[in-house]
Amino acid sequence: MNLTLKIWRQKNASDKGRMVEYKVTDISEHMSFLEMMDILNESLVAKGEEPVAFDHDCREGICGMCSLFINGEAHGPDRGITTCQLHMRMFNDGDTITIEPWRATAFPVIKDLIVDRTAFERIQQAGGYISVNTSGNTQDANALPIPKYDADRSMDAASCIGCGACVATCKNSSAMLFVSAKVSQFALLPQGRVEAADRVMNMVHQMDLEGFGNCTNTGACEVECPKGISLENIARMNREYLKASCR
């Protein structure tokens, strides 16, 4: 395939940035999207030009670092995948592909397609943990009977990889799907009940401090989420927040 790429180039956080057009040729439909980006960068380096900066790590759909906005969709036109799992067979010969970083005030651009997502880390640090007695009398996890339905829902929420697709997709740049997933994975288990009230209050407070918007109830975040995190988690977080507020 021969493709035209329109890519956001930005030297640093203070640079204005602009879209730059590139041509790539002989792209196999069996390549992943990031392999195609690698080929582009190899050609740029060979010509003495600055390669396009983009984030990646595992390339297995686990870490979420490869997050890109492709043709107006988070992680591209496929569903239930991250950008590194997107293959070029989803595109046609002669296509023009627009590639941008996440667009959110709380996710400032560092360089080109890389954004700073440490806001998520600060939200997690505000309450995304449990207290465990490690004095030598630690209780075995299997000693706490948990209904399978609750355990399954908790594990579904815990599958959130914190990529930020929900924020990039939401017209208000809301982080409520991410935060609700992190709240839910503990709220559904007895181990998380000790700090339940403080957790939801602190994490929601930090979310607001970071500058994320409120939920728009359009459901776009669930559609674009590579792990299919359910909107039910947002409803659960709202219930947890209401209960904590009424203490």
Protein backbone atom coordinates (compact mmCIF):
# COMPACT_ATOMS: atom_id res chain seq x y z
CA MET A 1 0.00 0.00 0.00
CA ASN A 2 1.01 3.60 -0.65
CA LEU A 3 -0.28 6.03 1.94
CA THR A 4 -0.31 9.74 2.80
CA LEU A 5 0.25 10.51 6.47
CA LYS A 6 -0.72 13.81 8.05
CA ILE A 7 1.07 13.84 11.41
CA TRP A 8 1.10 16.37 14.24
CA ARG A 9 4.65 17.65 14.78
CA GLN A 10 5.50 19.66 17.88
CA LYS A 11 9.08 20.21 19.05
CA ASN A 12 8.25 20.66 22.73
CA ALA A 13 5.50 21.67 25.14
CA SER A 14 5.85 25.38 24.34
CA ASP A 15 5.96 24.96 20.54
CA LYS A 16 2.79 25.82 18.60
CA GLY A 17 2.92 22.64 16.53
CA ARG A 18 1.55 21.89 13.05
CA MET A 19 0.41 19.09 10.76
CA VAL A 20 3.11 17.76 8.42
CA GLU A 21 2.43 15.50 5.42
CA TYR A 22 4.52 12.43 4.64
CA LYS A 23 4.36 9.69 2.02
CA VAL A 24 5.04 6.02 2.76
CA THR A 25 5.20 3.30 0.13
CA ASP A 26 5.16 -0.50 -0.07
CA ILE A 27 3.38 -0.90 3.26
CA SER A 28 2.21 -4.46 3.88
CA GLU A 29 -1.34 -5.00 5.08
CA HIS A 30 0.07 -7.42 7.63
CA MET A 31 2.11 -4.74 9.39
CA SER A 32 0.96 -3.24 12.65
CA PHE A 33 0.33 0.51 12.72
CA LEU A 34 3.45 1.10 14.81
CA GLU A 35 5.56 -0.94 12.38
CA MET A 36 4.37 1.40 9.67
CA MET A 37 5.44 4.33 11.87
CA ASP A 38 8.83 2.67 12.34
CA ILE A 39 9.28 2.49 8.57
CA LEU A 40 8.41 6.18 8.26
CA ASN A 41 10.96 7.07 10.94
CA GLU A 42 13.66 4.94 9.30
CA SER A 43 13.12 6.86 6.07
CA LEU A 44 13.24 10.20 7.91
CA VAL A 45 16.48 9.28 9.68
CA ALA A 46 18.00 8.15 6.38
CA LYS A 47 17.24 11.60 4.95
CA GLY A 48 18.72 13.34 7.99
CA GLU A 49 15.34 14.53 9.27
CA GLU A 50 13.94 14.39 12.80
CA PRO A 51 11.91 11.18 13.35
CA VAL A 52 8.36 11.37 14.65
CA ALA A 53 8.26 10.90 18.44
CA PHE A 54 5.59 8.48 19.62
CA ASP A 55 5.25 6.45 22.80
CA HIS A 56 5.26 2.65 22.98
CA ASP A 57 6.47 -0.16 25.18
CA CYS A 58 4.93 -3.65 25.25
CA ARG A 59 3.34 -3.63 21.79
CA GLU A 60 0.98 -6.28 23.12
CA GLY A 61 -2.03 -4.16 24.08
CA ILE A 62 -1.14 -4.19 27.77
CA CYS A 63 0.56 -0.90 28.68
CA GLY A 64 -1.54 1.62 26.73
CA MET A 65 1.46 3.86 26.01
CA CYS A 66 1.00 3.67 22.22
CA SER A 67 -2.13 5.83 22.37
CA LEU A 68 -2.77 7.81 19.18
CA PHE A 69 -5.75 9.61 17.66
CA ILE A 70 -6.06 8.13 14.17
CA ASN A 71 -8.51 9.59 11.64
CA GLY A 72 -10.49 11.11 14.51
CA GLU A 73 -10.74 7.89 16.54
CA ALA A 74 -8.82 6.87 19.65
CA HIS A 75 -6.57 3.91 18.74
CA GLY A 76 -7.92 3.98 15.18
CA PRO A 77 -10.86 2.45 13.29
CA ASP A 78 -10.84 -1.00 14.94
CA ARG A 79 -12.54 -1.80 18.27
CA GLY A 80 -11.29 -3.43 21.47
CA ILE A 81 -7.63 -2.82 20.59
CA THR A 82 -4.80 -0.42 21.31
CA THR A 83 -2.84 1.33 18.55
CA CYS A 84 -0.09 -1.30 18.62
CA GLN A 85 -2.71 -3.97 17.87
CA LEU A 86 -4.10 -2.03 14.90
CA HIS A 87 -3.06 -3.54 11.56
CA MET A 88 -2.70 -1.82 8.21
CA ARG A 89 -5.33 -4.10 6.65
CA MET A 90 -7.85 -1.72 8.24
CA PHE A 91 -6.78 0.85 5.62
CA ASN A 92 -6.82 0.94 1.82
CA ASP A 93 -4.19 1.72 -0.77
CA GLY A 94 -4.06 5.46 -1.41
CA ASP A 95 -5.66 6.41 1.93
CA THR A 96 -4.79 9.59 3.78
CA ILE A 97 -4.32 8.93 7.51
CA THR A 98 -4.39 11.73 10.06
CA ILE A 99 -2.40 11.01 13.23
CA GLU A 100 -2.62 13.21 16.31
CA PRO A 101 -1.83 13.04 20.04
CA TRP A 102 -4.55 12.99 22.71
CA ARG A 103 -6.20 16.39 22.95
CA ALA A 104 -6.93 17.38 26.56
CA THR A 105 -5.77 20.16 28.85
CA ALA A 106 -4.82 17.58 31.47
CA PHE A 107 -2.70 15.71 28.87
CA PRO A 108 -0.22 18.37 27.64
CA VAL A 109 1.84 17.45 24.59
CA ILE A 110 5.49 16.71 25.39
CA LYS A 111 6.68 16.22 21.81
CA ASP A 112 4.94 15.27 18.56
CA LEU A 113 2.55 12.43 19.45
CA ILE A 114 3.64 11.99 23.09
CA VAL A 115 1.52 13.47 25.88
CA ASP A 116 2.07 13.74 29.62
CA ARG A 117 -0.40 11.39 31.35
CA THR A 118 1.01 11.69 34.86
CA ALA A 119 -2.34 13.20 35.89
CA PHE A 120 -3.65 9.62 35.91
CA GLU A 121 -0.82 8.59 38.22
CA ARG A 122 -1.64 11.37 40.67
CA ILE A 123 -5.29 10.30 40.71
CA GLN A 124 -4.23 6.72 41.41
CA GLN A 125 -1.90 7.86 44.18
CA ALA A 126 -4.77 9.78 45.79
CA GLY A 127 -6.63 6.60 46.68
CA GLY A 128 -6.12 3.69 44.31
CA TYR A 129 -4.74 1.30 46.90
CA ILE A 130 -5.70 -0.73 49.98
CA SER A 131 -4.14 -1.08 53.42
CA VAL A 132 -2.79 -4.56 54.12
CA ASN A 133 -1.46 -5.91 57.40
CA THR A 134 2.04 -7.17 56.61
CA SER A 135 3.13 -7.71 60.23
CA GLY A 136 3.51 -11.45 59.74
CA ASN A 137 -0.13 -12.30 60.34
CA THR A 138 -1.25 -11.55 56.81
CA GLN A 139 -4.60 -13.10 56.01
CA ASP A 140 -4.69 -15.45 53.07
CA ALA A 141 -6.76 -13.97 50.24
CA ASN A 142 -8.61 -17.24 49.74
CA ALA A 143 -9.94 -16.98 53.29
CA LEU A 144 -12.33 -14.23 52.17
CA PRO A 145 -15.24 -15.75 50.21
CA ILE A 146 -16.28 -13.46 47.35
CA PRO A 147 -19.21 -14.12 45.01
CA LYS A 148 -17.94 -14.94 41.52
CA TYR A 149 -20.17 -12.27 39.99
CA ASP A 150 -18.51 -9.59 42.14
CA ALA A 151 -15.03 -10.96 41.49
CA ASP A 152 -15.64 -10.99 37.74
CA ARG A 153 -16.89 -7.39 37.72
CA SER A 154 -13.91 -6.31 39.83
CA MET A 155 -11.49 -7.97 37.42
CA ASP A 156 -13.29 -6.38 34.46
CA ALA A 157 -12.76 -2.94 36.05
CA ALA A 158 -9.14 -3.77 36.88
CA SER A 159 -8.44 -4.47 33.22
CA CYS A 160 -8.29 -0.69 32.59
CA ILE A 161 -4.77 0.08 31.31
CA GLY A 162 -4.99 3.85 31.83
CA CYS A 163 -4.32 4.69 28.18
CA GLY A 164 -6.53 7.80 28.23
CA ALA A 165 -8.71 6.94 25.22
CA CYS A 166 -11.78 7.80 27.30
CA VAL A 167 -10.42 11.29 27.95
CA ALA A 168 -9.39 11.85 24.33
CA THR A 169 -12.81 10.73 23.06
CA CYS A 170 -15.00 12.65 25.50
CA LYS A 171 -16.02 16.13 24.32
CA ASN A 172 -15.49 17.32 27.92
CA SER A 173 -12.19 15.43 28.30
CA SER A 174 -13.69 13.56 31.22
CA ALA A 175 -11.63 10.99 33.13
CA MET A 176 -14.64 9.47 34.88
CA LEU A 177 -14.41 6.11 33.11
CA PHE A 178 -10.79 5.72 34.21
CA VAL A 179 -11.42 6.88 37.78
CA SER A 180 -14.58 4.80 38.12
CA ALA A 181 -12.73 1.69 36.97
CA LYS A 182 -10.07 2.23 39.62
CA VAL A 183 -12.73 2.89 42.28
CA SER A 184 -14.85 -0.08 41.22
CA GLN A 185 -12.10 -2.68 41.31
CA PHE A 186 -11.82 -2.05 45.06
CA ALA A 187 -15.44 -1.15 45.83
CA LEU A 188 -16.60 -4.59 44.69
CA LEU A 189 -14.21 -6.47 47.00
CA PRO A 190 -14.17 -6.67 50.83
CA GLN A 191 -10.48 -5.69 50.87
CA GLY A 192 -11.43 -2.30 49.49
CA ARG A 193 -14.21 -1.43 51.92
CA VAL A 194 -11.92 -0.07 54.68
CA GLU A 195 -10.88 3.03 52.75
CA ALA A 196 -13.91 3.09 50.44
CA ALA A 197 -15.22 6.51 51.48
CA ASP A 198 -11.84 8.24 51.57
CA ARG A 199 -10.80 6.60 48.30
CA VAL A 200 -13.67 7.85 46.17
CA MET A 201 -13.63 11.33 47.72
CA ASN A 202 -9.88 11.75 47.27
CA MET A 203 -9.71 10.34 43.75
CA VAL A 204 -12.64 12.43 42.48
CA HIS A 205 -11.15 15.51 44.14
CA GLN A 206 -7.80 14.90 42.46
CA MET A 207 -9.53 14.29 39.14
CA ASP A 208 -11.13 17.73 39.39
CA LEU A 209 -7.83 19.34 40.39
CA GLU A 210 -6.16 17.92 37.30
CA GLY A 211 -8.63 19.76 35.06
CA PHE A 212 -10.63 16.87 33.62
CA GLY A 213 -14.22 17.63 32.60
CA ASN A 214 -17.43 16.01 33.80
CA CYS A 215 -19.14 12.98 32.24
CA THR A 216 -21.24 13.77 29.16
CA ASN A 217 -23.30 10.54 29.31
CA THR A 218 -22.81 9.98 25.58
CA GLY A 219 -21.05 6.64 26.03
CA ALA A 220 -18.26 7.44 23.57
CA CYS A 221 -15.65 6.51 26.18
CA GLU A 222 -16.92 2.94 26.48
CA VAL A 223 -17.02 2.53 22.70
CA GLU A 224 -13.42 3.69 22.24
CA CYS A 225 -11.99 1.97 25.33
CA PRO A 226 -9.63 -0.80 24.18
CA LYS A 227 -10.63 -2.92 27.18
CA GLY A 228 -14.36 -2.28 26.98
CA ILE A 229 -14.66 -0.75 30.46
CA SER A 230 -18.38 -0.43 31.16
CA LEU A 231 -20.28 2.76 31.93
CA GLU A 232 -21.75 0.83 34.89
CA ASN A 233 -18.54 1.70 36.71
CA ILE A 234 -19.34 5.42 36.47
CA ALA A 235 -22.76 4.77 38.02
CA ARG A 236 -21.07 2.76 40.79
CA MET A 237 -18.56 5.52 41.46
CA ASN A 238 -21.38 8.08 41.67
CA ARG A 239 -23.16 5.89 44.23
CA GLU A 240 -19.95 5.47 46.22
CA TYR A 241 -19.36 9.23 46.12
CA LEU A 242 -22.91 9.98 47.28
CA LYS A 243 -22.60 7.56 50.20
CA ALA A 244 -19.22 9.01 51.18
CA SER A 245 -20.60 12.55 51.00
CA CYS A 246 -23.42 11.66 53.40
CA ARG A 247 -21.18 10.28 56.11
